[in-house]
Structure formats: structure tokens, C-alpha cells
N, C-alpha and C. Protein backbone atom coordinates (compact mmCIF):
# COMPACT_ATOMS: atom_id res chain seq x y z
N MET A 1 46.56 -81.39 37.38
CA MET A 1 47.81 -80.65 37.74
C MET A 1 48.49 -81.66 38.55
N ALA A 2 47.87 -82.33 39.62
CA ALA A 2 48.56 -83.15 40.53
C ALA A 2 49.27 -84.35 39.74
N ALA A 3 48.53 -84.94 38.70
CA ALA A 3 49.07 -86.12 37.97
C ALA A 3 50.15 -85.61 37.08
N MET A 4 50.19 -84.31 36.48
CA MET A 4 51.25 -83.77 35.77
C MET A 4 52.62 -83.63 36.71
N SER A 5 52.27 -83.13 37.80
CA SER A 5 53.46 -82.94 38.76
C SER A 5 54.06 -84.31 39.21
N TRP A 6 53.18 -85.38 39.37
CA TRP A 6 53.64 -86.65 39.76
C TRP A 6 54.36 -87.29 38.68
N ALA A 7 53.88 -87.14 37.42
CA ALA A 7 54.61 -87.82 36.13
C ALA A 7 55.88 -87.18 36.02
N ILE A 8 56.08 -85.92 36.21
CA ILE A 8 57.32 -85.22 35.94
C ILE A 8 58.35 -85.56 37.02
N SER A 9 57.96 -85.66 38.31
CA SER A 9 58.84 -85.90 39.45
C SER A 9 59.22 -87.43 39.45
N GLU A 10 58.40 -88.30 38.95
CA GLU A 10 58.61 -89.69 38.85
C GLU A 10 59.20 -90.24 37.45
N TYR A 11 59.39 -89.23 36.59
CA TYR A 11 59.87 -89.65 35.13
C TYR A 11 58.85 -90.67 34.49
N ALA A 12 57.66 -90.54 34.67
CA ALA A 12 56.58 -91.43 34.27
C ALA A 12 56.20 -90.88 32.88
N SER A 13 55.92 -92.01 32.02
CA SER A 13 55.43 -91.64 30.68
C SER A 13 53.90 -90.95 30.60
N PHE A 14 53.85 -89.93 29.84
CA PHE A 14 52.50 -89.28 29.95
C PHE A 14 51.58 -90.21 29.21
N ASN A 15 52.00 -91.11 28.46
CA ASN A 15 51.10 -92.05 27.62
C ASN A 15 50.20 -92.85 28.59
N GLN A 16 50.78 -93.15 29.62
CA GLN A 16 50.00 -94.12 30.67
C GLN A 16 48.76 -93.38 31.16
N PHE A 17 48.60 -92.20 31.10
CA PHE A 17 47.33 -91.60 31.40
C PHE A 17 46.21 -91.80 30.58
N THR A 18 46.54 -92.27 29.35
CA THR A 18 45.49 -92.45 28.33
C THR A 18 44.97 -93.93 28.51
N ARG A 19 45.60 -94.74 29.24
CA ARG A 19 45.25 -96.20 29.30
C ARG A 19 44.07 -96.40 30.36
N PRO A 20 43.14 -97.19 29.83
CA PRO A 20 41.97 -97.39 30.80
C PRO A 20 42.25 -98.06 32.17
N THR A 21 43.40 -98.79 32.13
CA THR A 21 43.76 -99.37 33.59
C THR A 21 44.12 -98.24 34.44
N PHE A 22 44.81 -97.20 33.93
CA PHE A 22 45.12 -96.04 34.88
C PHE A 22 43.91 -95.38 35.34
N ARG A 23 42.95 -95.05 34.25
CA ARG A 23 41.80 -94.28 34.61
C ARG A 23 40.90 -95.07 35.61
N ASN A 24 40.75 -96.40 35.48
CA ASN A 24 39.87 -97.28 36.31
C ASN A 24 40.20 -97.24 37.72
N MET A 25 41.58 -96.92 38.05
CA MET A 25 41.91 -96.85 39.49
C MET A 25 41.21 -95.78 40.16
N PHE A 26 40.75 -94.74 39.48
CA PHE A 26 40.13 -93.60 40.30
C PHE A 26 38.65 -93.86 40.27
N GLU A 27 38.03 -94.65 39.68
CA GLU A 27 36.67 -94.86 39.54
C GLU A 27 35.93 -95.12 40.81
N PRO A 28 36.56 -95.93 41.70
CA PRO A 28 35.87 -96.02 43.11
C PRO A 28 35.95 -94.74 43.99
N LEU A 29 36.74 -93.84 43.61
CA LEU A 29 36.94 -92.64 44.33
C LEU A 29 35.95 -91.54 43.89
N ASN A 30 35.69 -91.55 42.63
CA ASN A 30 34.80 -90.53 42.04
C ASN A 30 34.07 -91.04 40.92
N LYS A 31 32.74 -90.95 40.89
CA LYS A 31 31.94 -91.47 39.70
C LYS A 31 32.38 -90.82 38.33
N MET A 32 32.89 -89.60 38.59
CA MET A 32 33.26 -88.70 37.21
C MET A 32 34.70 -88.98 36.88
N ALA A 33 35.33 -90.00 37.52
CA ALA A 33 36.76 -90.20 37.23
C ALA A 33 37.15 -90.26 35.76
N SER A 34 36.32 -91.00 35.01
CA SER A 34 36.73 -90.95 33.64
C SER A 34 36.91 -89.70 32.88
N LEU A 35 36.02 -88.79 33.44
CA LEU A 35 36.15 -87.37 32.77
C LEU A 35 37.37 -86.63 33.34
N ILE A 36 37.57 -86.81 34.65
CA ILE A 36 38.77 -86.11 35.38
C ILE A 36 40.05 -86.54 34.83
N THR A 37 40.41 -87.99 34.75
CA THR A 37 41.60 -88.28 34.24
C THR A 37 41.58 -88.47 32.71
N ASN A 38 40.72 -87.90 32.02
CA ASN A 38 40.78 -87.85 30.59
C ASN A 38 41.74 -86.82 29.95
N PHE A 39 42.94 -87.14 29.96
CA PHE A 39 43.75 -86.17 29.38
C PHE A 39 44.98 -87.06 28.71
N ASP A 40 45.62 -86.45 27.87
CA ASP A 40 46.89 -87.06 27.18
C ASP A 40 48.06 -86.14 27.39
N ARG A 41 49.17 -86.55 26.67
CA ARG A 41 50.37 -85.78 26.63
C ARG A 41 50.25 -84.41 26.25
N ARG A 42 49.41 -84.21 25.12
CA ARG A 42 49.23 -82.85 24.63
C ARG A 42 48.60 -82.05 25.59
N GLY A 43 47.54 -82.61 26.37
CA GLY A 43 46.79 -81.87 27.36
C GLY A 43 47.76 -81.50 28.60
N ILE A 44 48.63 -82.30 28.96
CA ILE A 44 49.62 -82.07 29.94
C ILE A 44 50.51 -80.89 29.50
N ARG A 45 50.95 -81.06 28.43
CA ARG A 45 51.97 -79.97 27.82
C ARG A 45 51.32 -78.70 27.74
N LYS A 46 50.05 -78.61 27.36
CA LYS A 46 49.30 -77.45 27.25
C LYS A 46 49.16 -76.79 28.73
N GLU A 47 48.84 -77.63 29.68
CA GLU A 47 48.67 -77.28 31.04
C GLU A 47 49.94 -76.68 31.60
N GLY A 48 50.97 -77.39 31.27
CA GLY A 48 52.45 -77.01 31.79
C GLY A 48 52.73 -75.49 31.05
N GLU A 49 52.43 -75.35 30.01
CA GLU A 49 52.62 -74.03 29.31
C GLU A 49 51.82 -72.97 29.91
N ARG A 50 50.58 -73.31 30.24
CA ARG A 50 49.59 -72.39 30.82
C ARG A 50 50.18 -72.03 32.22
N LEU A 51 50.68 -72.89 32.98
CA LEU A 51 51.09 -72.55 34.29
C LEU A 51 52.48 -71.82 34.16
N GLY A 52 53.22 -72.05 33.13
CA GLY A 52 54.37 -71.27 32.92
C GLY A 52 54.06 -69.85 32.54
N GLN A 53 53.13 -69.56 31.74
CA GLN A 53 52.66 -68.25 31.50
C GLN A 53 52.15 -67.52 32.65
N LEU A 54 51.32 -68.22 33.44
CA LEU A 54 50.99 -67.60 34.75
C LEU A 54 52.14 -67.23 35.59
N ALA A 55 53.07 -68.05 35.74
CA ALA A 55 54.36 -67.76 36.52
C ALA A 55 55.08 -66.51 35.97
N GLN A 56 55.04 -66.46 34.54
CA GLN A 56 55.69 -65.37 33.88
C GLN A 56 54.95 -64.03 34.24
N LYS A 57 53.68 -64.00 34.09
CA LYS A 57 52.95 -62.89 34.33
C LYS A 57 52.98 -62.28 35.79
N ALA A 58 52.99 -63.38 36.88
CA ALA A 58 53.27 -63.03 38.13
C ALA A 58 54.57 -62.45 38.48
N THR A 59 55.56 -63.00 37.70
CA THR A 59 56.99 -62.44 38.02
C THR A 59 57.03 -61.01 37.49
N LYS A 60 56.49 -60.86 36.23
CA LYS A 60 56.42 -59.53 35.60
C LYS A 60 55.72 -58.40 36.45
N LYS A 61 54.62 -58.84 37.08
CA LYS A 61 53.84 -58.07 37.93
C LYS A 61 54.68 -57.64 39.24
N GLU A 62 55.27 -58.63 39.73
CA GLU A 62 56.13 -58.54 41.03
C GLU A 62 57.32 -57.69 40.69
N MET A 63 57.90 -57.63 39.54
CA MET A 63 59.09 -56.88 39.27
C MET A 63 58.72 -55.52 38.62
N ASP A 64 57.54 -55.08 38.36
CA ASP A 64 57.04 -53.95 37.91
C ASP A 64 57.68 -52.76 38.58
N GLY A 65 58.66 -51.93 37.94
CA GLY A 65 59.06 -50.79 38.38
C GLY A 65 60.40 -51.06 39.32
N ARG A 66 61.00 -52.39 39.26
CA ARG A 66 62.04 -52.77 40.13
C ARG A 66 63.17 -53.26 39.12
N LYS A 67 64.44 -53.36 39.68
CA LYS A 67 65.55 -53.95 38.91
C LYS A 67 65.71 -55.26 39.72
N GLY A 68 66.28 -56.34 38.96
CA GLY A 68 66.62 -57.50 39.47
C GLY A 68 67.48 -58.32 38.64
N THR A 69 67.87 -59.37 39.14
CA THR A 69 68.79 -60.32 38.50
C THR A 69 68.11 -61.69 38.51
N ALA A 70 68.18 -62.44 37.37
CA ALA A 70 67.70 -63.81 37.33
C ALA A 70 68.82 -64.76 36.94
N TRP A 71 69.11 -65.71 37.83
CA TRP A 71 70.15 -66.79 37.64
C TRP A 71 69.50 -67.99 37.30
N THR A 72 70.00 -68.73 36.14
CA THR A 72 69.50 -69.89 35.84
C THR A 72 70.65 -70.85 35.68
N THR A 73 70.55 -72.11 36.16
CA THR A 73 71.66 -73.12 36.00
C THR A 73 71.16 -74.30 35.27
N GLY A 74 71.86 -74.93 34.56
CA GLY A 74 71.53 -76.21 33.75
C GLY A 74 72.54 -77.14 33.74
N HIS A 75 72.30 -78.47 33.79
CA HIS A 75 73.30 -79.47 33.63
C HIS A 75 72.66 -80.72 32.82
N TRP A 76 73.39 -81.18 31.89
CA TRP A 76 72.91 -82.18 31.14
C TRP A 76 74.03 -83.04 30.67
N ILE A 77 73.69 -84.39 30.13
CA ILE A 77 74.65 -85.26 29.69
C ILE A 77 74.26 -85.64 28.24
N SER A 78 75.40 -85.53 27.40
CA SER A 78 75.00 -85.84 25.89
C SER A 78 74.99 -87.27 25.69
N SER A 79 74.57 -87.65 24.45
CA SER A 79 74.39 -89.01 24.13
C SER A 79 75.64 -89.81 24.28
N ASN A 80 76.96 -89.02 24.18
CA ASN A 80 78.17 -89.89 24.34
C ASN A 80 78.75 -89.69 25.66
N ASP A 81 77.80 -89.31 26.71
CA ASP A 81 78.13 -89.40 28.08
C ASP A 81 79.10 -88.18 28.49
N GLU A 82 79.18 -87.18 27.73
CA GLU A 82 79.92 -86.01 28.08
C GLU A 82 78.91 -85.01 28.86
N THR A 83 79.46 -84.52 29.99
CA THR A 83 78.63 -83.63 30.80
C THR A 83 78.85 -82.15 30.45
N TYR A 84 77.85 -81.38 30.65
CA TYR A 84 77.84 -79.93 30.42
C TYR A 84 77.09 -79.23 31.50
N THR A 85 77.61 -78.18 31.94
CA THR A 85 76.97 -77.27 32.87
C THR A 85 77.05 -75.90 32.51
N THR A 86 75.92 -75.16 32.79
CA THR A 86 75.88 -73.78 32.30
C THR A 86 75.18 -72.97 33.45
N VAL A 87 75.71 -71.67 33.51
CA VAL A 87 75.14 -70.70 34.39
C VAL A 87 74.78 -69.45 33.62
N MET A 88 73.50 -68.88 33.68
CA MET A 88 73.34 -67.78 32.84
C MET A 88 72.64 -66.76 33.80
N ASN A 89 72.94 -65.42 33.60
CA ASN A 89 72.62 -64.35 34.42
C ASN A 89 71.92 -63.37 33.48
N GLU A 90 70.72 -62.97 33.97
CA GLU A 90 70.06 -61.82 33.11
C GLU A 90 69.63 -60.73 34.12
N VAL A 91 70.03 -59.49 33.70
CA VAL A 91 69.76 -58.23 34.62
C VAL A 91 68.36 -57.72 34.06
N ILE A 92 67.45 -57.66 34.97
CA ILE A 92 66.04 -57.13 34.63
C ILE A 92 66.08 -55.65 34.95
N GLU A 93 65.77 -54.86 34.07
CA GLU A 93 65.69 -53.48 34.42
C GLU A 93 64.33 -52.96 33.77
N LYS A 94 63.60 -52.19 34.60
CA LYS A 94 62.35 -51.67 34.32
C LYS A 94 62.36 -50.17 34.37
């Protein structure tokens, strides 16, 4: 999970985690490093989805019997350098 967080925050390629040179960095720290660092982009995606599902369940549990509002914002740039911004609002009623 720490590696996934690092890769996302640093815009690192998930493919580098499959390289022996990356995995070898951890060998002096832990004899089981080759097993611990043995994941690829599919594994990272699966873990990200699992964590998202946990967050969803926790939010639903917290909101049980309550009303609330969820605000989401987004900003992106298209391939021709046009910028877009959006704000979404969802009213949650139980």
C-alpha cells in the first residue's frame, strides 16, 4: 500500500515495480523482500479498488440513518490544451 501511494503521488509508472532492480533495493532490509515487492500494475489496481470499496462501506455505515451532501470537484486538460472544471453535488438521503 505504501508503494502504491508513493507511485500515485509521484506520478511513477507502475511497471517499475516489476523490475528486478527495484525489488533488489529492498533485499538488504528484509530477506522476504522479493515476495513483499512482488506486485504489478494489476495488483496495484486491485488493491486500489479494494481500498475504495472499504471507504465506500465505511461511508455508508457512517451515513446510516442520516442525510448528507457529497461535493466532488474535477479539473482536467484535454489533448488540445482546453481546460475543464466541474462541480457535482449529490444529496444523500436515507
